[in-house]
Amino acid sequence: MAYDEDLADRVRELLADEDAVTEKKMFGGLAFLLNSNMAVSASGQGGLLVRIDPAETDATIAEPHVERMEMGGRSMDGWIRVAPEALEAGLERWVQRGVDYAKTLPPK
């Protein structure tokens, strides 16, 4: 499944005022990176991948339509998948969350 082009466009619009944003096809979707650190990605499996503070993973996946990202049978704290149902009204919040965390990381 290809990533949702409309979702990618919506993310692109939300990131228009951010500096040092690049796009890269990865994880089967289109990732948006700040200073080469992934913030969010329009997932090829639907929804949005969001990079968050690993310490906040358990509290975050308790929210509706949110789960740990799983790749190759393993999941890691700090990487979550937000289902499309949570993005209609909540996309800006999730993108901002990924941006805020990416800004805490050293540039690559």
PDB file of N, CA and C in Angstrom:
ATOM      1  N   MET A   1       0.851  -1.186   0.000  1.00  0.00           N
ATOM      2  CA  MET A   1       0.000   0.000   0.000  1.00  0.00           C
ATOM      3  C   MET A   1       0.893   1.245   0.000  1.00  0.00           C
ATOM      4  N   ALA A   2       0.591   2.167  -0.865  1.00  0.00           N
ATOM      5  CA  ALA A   2       1.341   3.411  -0.915  1.00  0.00           C
ATOM      6  C   ALA A   2       0.832   4.350   0.174  1.00  0.00           C
ATOM      7  N   TYR A   3       1.679   5.282   0.553  1.00  0.00           N
ATOM      8  CA  TYR A   3       1.251   6.240   1.574  1.00  0.00           C
ATOM      9  C   TYR A   3       0.175   7.167   1.005  1.00  0.00           C
ATOM     10  N   ASP A   4      -0.570   7.773   1.893  1.00  0.00           N
ATOM     11  CA  ASP A   4      -1.675   8.659   1.553  1.00  0.00           C
ATOM     12  C   ASP A   4      -1.117  10.021   1.123  1.00  0.00           C
ATOM     13  N   GLU A   5      -1.234  10.320  -0.157  1.00  0.00           N
ATOM     14  CA  GLU A   5      -0.703  11.582  -0.707  1.00  0.00           C
ATOM     15  C   GLU A   5      -1.385  12.800  -0.084  1.00  0.00           C
ATOM     16  N   ASP A   6      -2.687  12.691   0.175  1.00  0.00           N
ATOM     17  CA  ASP A   6      -3.403  13.817   0.789  1.00  0.00           C
ATOM     18  C   ASP A   6      -2.886  14.070   2.206  1.00  0.00           C
ATOM     19  N   LEU A   7      -2.644  12.998   2.942  1.00  0.00           N
ATOM     20  CA  LEU A   7      -2.076  13.150   4.284  1.00  0.00           C
ATOM     21  C   LEU A   7      -0.700  13.795   4.202  1.00  0.00           C
ATOM     22  N   ALA A   8       0.130  13.348   3.272  1.00  0.00           N
ATOM     23  CA  ALA A   8       1.463  13.937   3.103  1.00  0.00           C
ATOM     24  C   ALA A   8       1.364  15.428   2.792  1.00  0.00           C
ATOM     25  N   ASP A   9       0.398  15.810   1.956  1.00  0.00           N
ATOM     26  CA  ASP A   9       0.209  17.229   1.635  1.00  0.00           C
ATOM     27  C   ASP A   9      -0.213  18.023   2.870  1.00  0.00           C
ATOM     28  N   ARG A  10      -1.094  17.444   3.681  1.00  0.00           N
ATOM     29  CA  ARG A  10      -1.527  18.125   4.907  1.00  0.00           C
ATOM     30  C   ARG A  10      -0.354  18.310   5.868  1.00  0.00           C
ATOM     31  N   VAL A  11       0.491  17.286   5.983  1.00  0.00           N
ATOM     32  CA  VAL A  11       1.676  17.384   6.848  1.00  0.00           C
ATOM     33  C   VAL A  11       2.616  18.450   6.304  1.00  0.00           C
ATOM     34  N   ARG A  12       2.827  18.438   5.007  1.00  0.00           N
ATOM     35  CA  ARG A  12       3.703  19.415   4.348  1.00  0.00           C
ATOM     36  C   ARG A  12       3.245  20.845   4.657  1.00  0.00           C
ATOM     37  N   GLU A  13       1.946  21.074   4.604  1.00  0.00           N
ATOM     38  CA  GLU A  13       1.398  22.400   4.914  1.00  0.00           C
ATOM     39  C   GLU A  13       1.676  22.781   6.368  1.00  0.00           C
ATOM     40  N   LEU A  14       1.527  21.830   7.274  1.00  0.00           N
ATOM     41  CA  LEU A  14       1.766  22.112   8.694  1.00  0.00           C
ATOM     42  C   LEU A  14       3.234  22.414   8.978  1.00  0.00           C
ATOM     43  N   LEU A  15       4.123  21.880   8.151  1.00  0.00           N
ATOM     44  CA  LEU A  15       5.559  22.064   8.362  1.00  0.00           C
ATOM     45  C   LEU A  15       6.151  23.205   7.531  1.00  0.00           C
ATOM     46  N   ALA A  16       5.317  23.908   6.810  1.00  0.00           N
ATOM     47  CA  ALA A  16       5.800  24.944   5.882  1.00  0.00           C
ATOM     48  C   ALA A  16       6.648  26.015   6.551  1.00  0.00           C
ATOM     49  N   ASP A  17       6.389  26.328   7.800  1.00  0.00           N
ATOM     50  CA  ASP A  17       7.143  27.390   8.478  1.00  0.00           C
ATOM     51  C   ASP A  17       8.342  26.880   9.269  1.00  0.00           C
ATOM     52  N   GLU A  18       8.569  25.574   9.247  1.00  0.00           N
ATOM     53  CA  GLU A  18       9.705  24.995   9.970  1.00  0.00           C
ATOM     54  C   GLU A  18      10.968  25.076   9.114  1.00  0.00           C
ATOM     55  N   ASP A  19      12.099  25.290   9.757  1.00  0.00           N
ATOM     56  CA  ASP A  19      13.385  25.291   9.063  1.00  0.00           C
ATOM     57  C   ASP A  19      13.942  23.871   8.996  1.00  0.00           C
ATOM     58  N   ALA A  20      14.780  23.637   8.030  1.00  0.00           N
ATOM     59  CA  ALA A  20      15.545  22.399   7.890  1.00  0.00           C
ATOM     60  C   ALA A  20      14.672  21.152   7.789  1.00  0.00           C
ATOM     61  N   VAL A  21      13.535  21.247   7.069  1.00  0.00           N
ATOM     62  CA  VAL A  21      12.666  20.094   6.849  1.00  0.00           C
ATOM     63  C   VAL A  21      13.026  19.457   5.515  1.00  0.00           C
ATOM     64  N   THR A  22      13.190  18.163   5.531  1.00  0.00           N
ATOM     65  CA  THR A  22      13.410  17.411   4.303  1.00  0.00           C
ATOM     66  C   THR A  22      12.423  16.244   4.280  1.00  0.00           C
ATOM     67  N   GLU A  23      12.206  15.709   3.110  1.00  0.00           N
ATOM     68  CA  GLU A  23      11.325  14.567   2.935  1.00  0.00           C
ATOM     69  C   GLU A  23      12.148  13.408   2.399  1.00  0.00           C
ATOM     70  N   LYS A  24      11.810  12.212   2.872  1.00  0.00           N
ATOM     71  CA  LYS A  24      12.550  11.041   2.436  1.00  0.00           C
ATOM     72  C   LYS A  24      11.629   9.834   2.463  1.00  0.00           C
ATOM     73  N   LYS A  25      11.636   9.065   1.398  1.00  0.00           N
ATOM     74  CA  LYS A  25      10.856   7.837   1.386  1.00  0.00           C
ATOM     75  C   LYS A  25      11.567   6.818   2.274  1.00  0.00           C
ATOM     76  N   MET A  26      10.843   6.370   3.306  1.00  0.00           N
ATOM     77  CA  MET A  26      11.388   5.356   4.207  1.00  0.00           C
ATOM     78  C   MET A  26      10.245   4.694   4.964  1.00  0.00           C
ATOM     79  N   PHE A  27      10.485   3.523   5.500  1.00  0.00           N
ATOM     80  CA  PHE A  27       9.471   2.771   6.241  1.00  0.00           C
ATOM     81  C   PHE A  27       8.213   2.544   5.393  1.00  0.00           C
ATOM     82  N   GLY A  28       8.353   2.502   4.067  1.00  0.00           N
ATOM     83  CA  GLY A  28       7.207   2.297   3.201  1.00  0.00           C
ATOM     84  C   GLY A  28       6.309   3.514   3.072  1.00  0.00           C
ATOM     85  N   GLY A  29       6.777   4.660   3.551  1.00  0.00           N
ATOM     86  CA  GLY A  29       5.974   5.873   3.490  1.00  0.00           C
ATOM     87  C   GLY A  29       6.834   7.066   3.138  1.00  0.00           C
ATOM     88  N   LEU A  30       6.343   8.239   3.476  1.00  0.00           N
ATOM     89  CA  LEU A  30       7.087   9.471   3.230  1.00  0.00           C
ATOM     90  C   LEU A  30       7.366  10.134   4.570  1.00  0.00           C
ATOM     91  N   ALA A  31       8.630  10.150   4.948  1.00  0.00           N
ATOM     92  CA  ALA A  31       9.038  10.707   6.237  1.00  0.00           C
ATOM     93  C   ALA A  31       9.384  12.182   6.088  1.00  0.00           C
ATOM     94  N   PHE A  32       9.094  12.924   7.151  1.00  0.00           N
ATOM     95  CA  PHE A  32       9.440  14.338   7.235  1.00  0.00           C
ATOM     96  C   PHE A  32      10.471  14.468   8.344  1.00  0.00           C
ATOM     97  N   LEU A  33      11.644  14.975   7.970  1.00  0.00           N
ATOM     98  CA  LEU A  33      12.761  15.053   8.896  1.00  0.00           C
ATOM     99  C   LEU A  33      13.105  16.500   9.207  1.00  0.00           C
ATOM    100  N   LEU A  34      13.490  16.746  10.442  1.00  0.00           N
ATOM    101  CA  LEU A  34      13.990  18.053  10.861  1.00  0.00           C
ATOM    102  C   LEU A  34      15.447  17.865  11.240  1.00  0.00           C
ATOM    103  N   ASN A  35      16.325  18.585  10.578  1.00  0.00           N
ATOM    104  CA  ASN A  35      17.761  18.424  10.812  1.00  0.00           C
ATOM    105  C   ASN A  35      18.167  16.958  10.717  1.00  0.00           C
ATOM    106  N   SER A  36      17.571  16.259   9.770  1.00  0.00           N
ATOM    107  CA  SER A  36      17.828  14.845   9.472  1.00  0.00           C
ATOM    108  C   SER A  36      17.315  13.871  10.526  1.00  0.00           C
ATOM    109  N   ASN A  37      16.497  14.319  11.455  1.00  0.00           N
ATOM    110  CA  ASN A  37      15.856  13.440  12.430  1.00  0.00           C
ATOM    111  C   ASN A  37      14.382  13.321  12.076  1.00  0.00           C
ATOM    112  N   MET A  38      13.889  12.077  11.968  1.00  0.00           N
ATOM    113  CA  MET A  38      12.488  11.900  11.613  1.00  0.00           C
ATOM    114  C   MET A  38      11.572  12.468  12.692  1.00  0.00           C
ATOM    115  N   ALA A  39      10.569  13.222  12.263  1.00  0.00           N
ATOM    116  CA  ALA A  39       9.547  13.745  13.165  1.00  0.00           C
ATOM    117  C   ALA A  39       8.255  12.948  12.978  1.00  0.00           C
ATOM    118  N   VAL A  40       7.801  12.849  11.724  1.00  0.00           N
ATOM    119  CA  VAL A  40       6.584  12.121  11.391  1.00  0.00           C
ATOM    120  C   VAL A  40       6.739  11.505  10.009  1.00  0.00           C
ATOM    121  N   SER A  41       5.839  10.574   9.703  1.00  0.00           N
ATOM    122  CA  SER A  41       5.849   9.959   8.388  1.00  0.00           C
ATOM    123  C   SER A  41       4.430   9.575   7.998  1.00  0.00           C
ATOM    124  N   ALA A  42       4.055   9.902   6.765  1.00  0.00           N
ATOM    125  CA  ALA A  42       2.803   9.392   6.206  1.00  0.00           C
ATOM    126  C   ALA A  42       3.078   7.925   5.904  1.00  0.00           C
ATOM    127  N   SER A  43       2.451   7.047   6.659  1.00  0.00           N
ATOM    128  CA  SER A  43       2.774   5.629   6.611  1.00  0.00           C
ATOM    129  C   SER A  43       2.224   4.940   5.370  1.00  0.00           C
ATOM    130  N   GLY A  44       2.981   4.014   4.860  1.00  0.00           N
ATOM    131  CA  GLY A  44       2.522   3.179   3.761  1.00  0.00           C
ATOM    132  C   GLY A  44       1.471   2.185   4.208  1.00  0.00           C
ATOM    133  N   GLN A  45       1.283   2.031   5.513  1.00  0.00           N
ATOM    134  CA  GLN A  45       0.273   1.123   6.065  1.00  0.00           C
ATOM    135  C   GLN A  45      -0.958   1.894   6.534  1.00  0.00           C
ATOM    136  N   GLY A  46      -0.996   3.163   6.238  1.00  0.00           N
ATOM    137  CA  GLY A  46      -2.103   4.010   6.654  1.00  0.00           C
ATOM    138  C   GLY A  46      -1.774   4.750   7.934  1.00  0.00           C
ATOM    139  N   GLY A  47      -2.308   5.918   8.079  1.00  0.00           N
ATOM    140  CA  GLY A  47      -2.072   6.711   9.276  1.00  0.00           C
ATOM    141  C   GLY A  47      -0.728   7.402   9.279  1.00  0.00           C
ATOM    142  N   LEU A  48      -0.324   7.784  10.472  1.00  0.00           N
ATOM    143  CA  LEU A  48       0.880   8.586  10.650  1.00  0.00           C
ATOM    144  C   LEU A  48       1.815   7.910  11.640  1.00  0.00           C
ATOM    145  N   LEU A  49       3.088   7.845  11.306  1.00  0.00           N
ATOM    146  CA  LEU A  49       4.102   7.431  12.271  1.00  0.00           C
ATOM    147  C   LEU A  49       4.607   8.700  12.932  1.00  0.00           C
ATOM    148  N   VAL A  50       4.753   8.654  14.243  1.00  0.00           N
ATOM    149  CA  VAL A  50       5.201   9.823  14.986  1.00  0.00           C
ATOM    150  C   VAL A  50       6.327   9.404  15.906  1.00  0.00           C
ATOM    151  N   ARG A  51       7.379  10.184  15.914  1.00  0.00           N
ATOM    152  CA  ARG A  51       8.492   9.937  16.824  1.00  0.00           C
ATOM    153  C   ARG A  51       8.286  10.803  18.061  1.00  0.00           C
ATOM    154  N   ILE A  52       8.273  10.156  19.227  1.00  0.00           N
ATOM    155  CA  ILE A  52       8.019  10.856  20.483  1.00  0.00           C
ATOM    156  C   ILE A  52       9.108  10.520  21.484  1.00  0.00           C
ATOM    157  N   ASP A  53       9.086  11.191  22.598  1.00  0.00           N
ATOM    158  CA  ASP A  53       9.994  10.876  23.692  1.00  0.00           C
ATOM    159  C   ASP A  53       9.708   9.437  24.129  1.00  0.00           C
ATOM    160  N   PRO A  54      10.711   8.555  24.115  1.00  0.00           N
ATOM    161  CA  PRO A  54      10.481   7.163  24.500  1.00  0.00           C
ATOM    162  C   PRO A  54       9.835   7.003  25.879  1.00  0.00           C
ATOM    163  N   ALA A  55      10.123   7.904  26.796  1.00  0.00           N
ATOM    164  CA  ALA A  55       9.549   7.824  28.135  1.00  0.00           C
ATOM    165  C   ALA A  55       8.041   8.057  28.133  1.00  0.00           C
ATOM    166  N   GLU A  56       7.507   8.613  27.058  1.00  0.00           N
ATOM    167  CA  GLU A  56       6.078   8.905  26.973  1.00  0.00           C
ATOM    168  C   GLU A  56       5.285   7.848  26.205  1.00  0.00           C
ATOM    169  N   THR A  57       5.950   6.775  25.792  1.00  0.00           N
ATOM    170  CA  THR A  57       5.298   5.777  24.949  1.00  0.00           C
ATOM    171  C   THR A  57       4.095   5.134  25.620  1.00  0.00           C
ATOM    172  N   ASP A  58       4.248   4.613  26.818  1.00  0.00           N
ATOM    173  CA  ASP A  58       3.140   3.899  27.461  1.00  0.00           C
ATOM    174  C   ASP A  58       1.925   4.790  27.648  1.00  0.00           C
ATOM    175  N   ALA A  59       2.121   6.009  28.086  1.00  0.00           N
ATOM    176  CA  ALA A  59       0.992   6.931  28.269  1.00  0.00           C
ATOM    177  C   ALA A  59       0.347   7.268  26.927  1.00  0.00           C
ATOM    178  N   THR A  60       1.155   7.393  25.893  1.00  0.00           N
ATOM    179  CA  THR A  60       0.636   7.783  24.582  1.00  0.00           C
ATOM    180  C   THR A  60      -0.163   6.664  23.940  1.00  0.00           C
ATOM    181  N   ILE A  61       0.292   5.424  24.057  1.00  0.00           N
ATOM    182  CA  ILE A  61      -0.450   4.331  23.418  1.00  0.00           C
ATOM    183  C   ILE A  61      -1.738   4.000  24.168  1.00  0.00           C
ATOM    184  N   ALA A  62      -1.947   4.600  25.315  1.00  0.00           N
ATOM    185  CA  ALA A  62      -3.218   4.443  26.026  1.00  0.00           C
ATOM    186  C   ALA A  62      -4.314   5.295  25.373  1.00  0.00           C
ATOM    187  N   GLU A  63      -3.929   6.218  24.509  1.00  0.00           N
ATOM    188  CA  GLU A  63      -4.900   7.066  23.811  1.00  0.00           C
ATOM    189  C   GLU A  63      -5.578   6.259  22.704  1.00  0.00           C
ATOM    190  N   PRO A  64      -6.823   6.618  22.369  1.00  0.00           N
ATOM    191  CA  PRO A  64      -7.531   5.911  21.295  1.00  0.00           C
ATOM    192  C   PRO A  64      -6.805   6.027  19.958  1.00  0.00           C
ATOM    193  N   HIS A  65      -6.795   4.922  19.218  1.00  0.00           N
ATOM    194  CA  HIS A  65      -6.262   4.868  17.849  1.00  0.00           C
ATOM    195  C   HIS A  65      -4.746   5.068  17.777  1.00  0.00           C
ATOM    196  N   VAL A  66      -4.039   4.783  18.872  1.00  0.00           N
ATOM    197  CA  VAL A  66      -2.586   4.923  18.903  1.00  0.00           C
ATOM    198  C   VAL A  66      -1.983   3.600  19.352  1.00  0.00           C
ATOM    199  N   GLU A  67      -0.913   3.182  18.671  1.00  0.00           N
ATOM    200  CA  GLU A  67      -0.218   1.945  19.051  1.00  0.00           C
ATOM    201  C   GLU A  67       1.270   2.089  18.776  1.00  0.00           C
ATOM    202  N   ARG A  68       2.049   1.206  19.363  1.00  0.00           N
ATOM    203  CA  ARG A  68       3.487   1.192  19.066  1.00  0.00           C
ATOM    204  C   ARG A  68       3.673   0.828  17.594  1.00  0.00           C
ATOM    205  N   MET A  69       4.630   1.464  16.963  1.00  0.00           N
ATOM    206  CA  MET A  69       4.987   1.091  15.604  1.00  0.00           C
ATOM    207  C   MET A  69       5.700  -0.253  15.673  1.00  0.00           C
ATOM    208  N   GLU A  70       5.339  -1.132  14.789  1.00  0.00           N
ATOM    209  CA  GLU A  70       6.004  -2.437  14.735  1.00  0.00           C
ATOM    210  C   GLU A  70       6.620  -2.599  13.359  1.00  0.00           C
ATOM    211  N   MET A  71       7.872  -3.014  13.351  1.00  0.00           N
ATOM    212  CA  MET A  71       8.571  -3.249  12.105  1.00  0.00           C
ATOM    213  C   MET A  71       9.404  -4.515  12.247  1.00  0.00           C
ATOM    214  N   GLY A  72       9.210  -5.413  11.335  1.00  0.00           N
ATOM    215  CA  GLY A  72       9.966  -6.656  11.372  1.00  0.00           C
ATOM    216  C   GLY A  72       9.708  -7.453  12.641  1.00  0.00           C
ATOM    217  N   GLY A  73       8.489  -7.353  13.160  1.00  0.00           N
ATOM    218  CA  GLY A  73       8.140  -8.114  14.350  1.00  0.00           C
ATOM    219  C   GLY A  73       8.602  -7.503  15.660  1.00  0.00           C
ATOM    220  N   ARG A  74       9.204  -6.331  15.601  1.00  0.00           N
ATOM    221  CA  ARG A  74       9.620  -5.701  16.860  1.00  0.00           C
ATOM    222  C   ARG A  74       9.118  -4.269  16.944  1.00  0.00           C
ATOM    223  N   SER A  75       8.903  -3.852  18.154  1.00  0.00           N
ATOM    224  CA  SER A  75       8.466  -2.487  18.386  1.00  0.00           C
ATOM    225  C   SER A  75       9.456  -1.827  19.336  1.00  0.00           C
ATOM    226  N   MET A  76       9.502  -0.508  19.249  1.00  0.00           N
ATOM    227  CA  MET A  76      10.436   0.228  20.095  1.00  0.00           C
ATOM    228  C   MET A  76       9.710   1.397  20.731  1.00  0.00           C
ATOM    229  N   ASP A  77      10.073   1.700  21.962  1.00  0.00           N
ATOM    230  CA  ASP A  77       9.536   2.886  22.601  1.00  0.00           C
ATOM    231  C   ASP A  77       9.977   4.104  21.792  1.00  0.00           C
ATOM    232  N   GLY A  78       9.102   5.095  21.738  1.00  0.00           N
ATOM    233  CA  GLY A  78       9.424   6.330  21.031  1.00  0.00           C
ATOM    234  C   GLY A  78       8.945   6.376  19.595  1.00  0.00           C
ATOM    235  N   TRP A  79       8.383   5.286  19.102  1.00  0.00           N
ATOM    236  CA  TRP A  79       7.879   5.234  17.731  1.00  0.00           C
ATOM    237  C   TRP A  79       6.443   4.734  17.792  1.00  0.00           C
ATOM    238  N   ILE A  80       5.488   5.569  17.381  1.00  0.00           N
ATOM    239  CA  ILE A  80       4.083   5.194  17.465  1.00  0.00           C
ATOM    240  C   ILE A  80       3.392   5.345  16.115  1.00  0.00           C
ATOM    241  N   ARG A  81       2.293   4.634  15.991  1.00  0.00           N
ATOM    242  CA  ARG A  81       1.447   4.721  14.804  1.00  0.00           C
ATOM    243  C   ARG A  81       0.109   5.300  15.256  1.00  0.00           C
ATOM    244  N   VAL A  82      -0.337   6.339  14.553  1.00  0.00           N
ATOM    245  CA  VAL A  82      -1.628   6.966  14.830  1.00  0.00           C
ATOM    246  C   VAL A  82      -2.541   6.620  13.656  1.00  0.00           C
ATOM    247  N   ALA A  83      -3.654   5.964  13.961  1.00  0.00           N
ATOM    248  CA  ALA A  83      -4.596   5.521  12.932  1.00  0.00           C
ATOM    249  C   ALA A  83      -5.270   6.714  12.262  1.00  0.00           C
ATOM    250  N   PRO A  84      -5.708   6.516  11.026  1.00  0.00           N
ATOM    251  CA  PRO A  84      -6.355   7.602  10.290  1.00  0.00           C
ATOM    252  C   PRO A  84      -7.536   8.234  11.032  1.00  0.00           C
ATOM    253  N   GLU A  85      -8.257   7.452  11.814  1.00  0.00           N
ATOM    254  CA  GLU A  85      -9.418   7.972  12.545  1.00  0.00           C
ATOM    255  C   GLU A  85      -9.042   9.107  13.494  1.00  0.00           C
ATOM    256  N   ALA A  86      -7.831   9.100  13.983  1.00  0.00           N
ATOM    257  CA  ALA A  86      -7.389  10.119  14.940  1.00  0.00           C
ATOM    258  C   ALA A  86      -6.791  11.341  14.250  1.00  0.00           C
ATOM    259  N   LEU A  87      -6.697  11.304  12.931  1.00  0.00           N
ATOM    260  CA  LEU A  87      -6.002  12.377  12.216  1.00  0.00           C
ATOM    261  C   LEU A  87      -6.917  13.422  11.606  1.00  0.00           C
ATOM    262  N   GLU A  88      -8.172  13.098  11.455  1.00  0.00           N
ATOM    263  CA  GLU A  88      -9.076  14.059  10.822  1.00  0.00           C
ATOM    264  C   GLU A  88      -9.064  15.383  11.568  1.00  0.00           C
ATOM    265  N   ALA A  89      -9.252  15.310  12.869  1.00  0.00           N
ATOM    266  CA  ALA A  89      -9.260  16.538  13.678  1.00  0.00           C
ATOM    267  C   ALA A  89      -7.964  16.732  14.451  1.00  0.00           C
ATOM    268  N   GLY A  90      -7.141  15.692  14.556  1.00  0.00           N
ATOM    269  CA  GLY A  90      -5.976  15.770  15.423  1.00  0.00           C
ATOM    270  C   GLY A  90      -4.619  15.791  14.753  1.00  0.00           C
ATOM    271  N   LEU A  91      -4.577  15.941  13.433  1.00  0.00           N
ATOM    272  CA  LEU A  91      -3.292  15.872  12.728  1.00  0.00           C
ATOM    273  C   LEU A  91      -2.301  16.908  13.230  1.00  0.00           C
ATOM    274  N   GLU A  92      -2.738  18.130  13.388  1.00  0.00           N
ATOM    275  CA  GLU A  92      -1.806  19.192  13.810  1.00  0.00           C
ATOM    276  C   GLU A  92      -1.148  18.841  15.143  1.00  0.00           C
ATOM    277  N   ARG A  93      -1.919  18.327  16.070  1.00  0.00           N
ATOM    278  CA  ARG A  93      -1.380  17.941  17.387  1.00  0.00           C
ATOM    279  C   ARG A  93      -0.294  16.873  17.249  1.00  0.00           C
ATOM    280  N   TRP A  94      -0.551  15.858  16.431  1.00  0.00           N
ATOM    281  CA  TRP A  94       0.428  14.776  16.294  1.00  0.00           C
ATOM    282  C   TRP A  94       1.685  15.234  15.561  1.00  0.00           C
ATOM    283  N   VAL A  95       1.506  16.035  14.527  1.00  0.00           N
ATOM    284  CA  VAL A  95       2.684  16.553  13.806  1.00  0.00           C
ATOM    285  C   VAL A  95       3.516  17.416  14.748  1.00  0.00           C
ATOM    286  N   GLN A  96       2.876  18.259  15.512  1.00  0.00           N
ATOM    287  CA  GLN A  96       3.604  19.121  16.455  1.00  0.00           C
ATOM    288  C   GLN A  96       4.352  18.286  17.488  1.00  0.00           C
ATOM    289  N   ARG A  97       3.745  17.215  17.919  1.00  0.00           N
ATOM    290  CA  ARG A  97       4.395  16.336  18.899  1.00  0.00           C
ATOM    291  C   ARG A  97       5.682  15.752  18.318  1.00  0.00           C
ATOM    292  N   GLY A  98       5.627  15.291  17.073  1.00  0.00           N
ATOM    293  CA  GLY A  98       6.821  14.763  16.422  1.00  0.00           C
ATOM    294  C   GLY A  98       7.880  15.833  16.209  1.00  0.00           C
ATOM    295  N   VAL A  99       7.458  17.019  15.813  1.00  0.00           N
ATOM    296  CA  VAL A  99       8.374  18.140  15.605  1.00  0.00           C
ATOM    297  C   VAL A  99       9.053  18.517  16.925  1.00  0.00           C
ATOM    298  N   ASP A 100       8.256  18.622  17.977  1.00  0.00           N
ATOM    299  CA  ASP A 100       8.814  18.998  19.279  1.00  0.00           C
ATOM    300  C   ASP A 100       9.888  18.012  19.723  1.00  0.00           C
ATOM    301  N   TYR A 101       9.644  16.726  19.519  1.00  0.00           N
ATOM    302  CA  TYR A 101      10.648  15.746  19.931  1.00  0.00           C
ATOM    303  C   TYR A 101      11.884  15.806  19.015  1.00  0.00           C
ATOM    304  N   ALA A 102      11.658  15.915  17.731  1.00  0.00           N
ATOM    305  CA  ALA A 102      12.788  15.961  16.779  1.00  0.00           C
ATOM    306  C   ALA A 102      13.711  17.142  17.090  1.00  0.00           C
ATOM    307  N   LYS A 103      13.136  18.242  17.569  1.00  0.00           N
ATOM    308  CA  LYS A 103      13.939  19.416  17.900  1.00  0.00           C
ATOM    309  C   LYS A 103      14.815  19.206  19.143  1.00  0.00           C
ATOM    310  N   THR A 104      14.528  18.191  19.931  1.00  0.00           N
ATOM    311  CA  THR A 104      15.372  17.908  21.102  1.00  0.00           C
ATOM    312  C   THR A 104      16.599  17.089  20.731  1.00  0.00           C
ATOM    313  N   LEU A 105      16.622  16.558  19.523  1.00  0.00           N
ATOM    314  CA  LEU A 105      17.713  15.676  19.090  1.00  0.00           C
ATOM    315  C   LEU A 105      18.810  16.489  18.419  1.00  0.00           C
ATOM    316  N   PRO A 106      20.051  16.047  18.556  1.00  0.00           N
ATOM    317  CA  PRO A 106      21.139  16.777  17.875  1.00  0.00           C
ATOM    318  C   PRO A 106      21.026  16.612  16.362  1.00  0.00           C
ATOM    319  N   PRO A 107      21.326  17.663  15.616  1.00  0.00           N
ATOM    320  CA  PRO A 107      21.290  17.548  14.158  1.00  0.00           C
ATOM    321  C   PRO A 107      22.269  16.483  13.676  1.00  0.00           C
ATOM    322  N   LYS A 108      21.915  15.838  12.588  1.00  0.00           N
ATOM    323  CA  LYS A 108      22.796  14.803  12.014  1.00  0.00           C
ATOM    324  C   LYS A 108      23.600  15.399  10.888  1.00  0.00           C
TER     325      LYS A 108
END
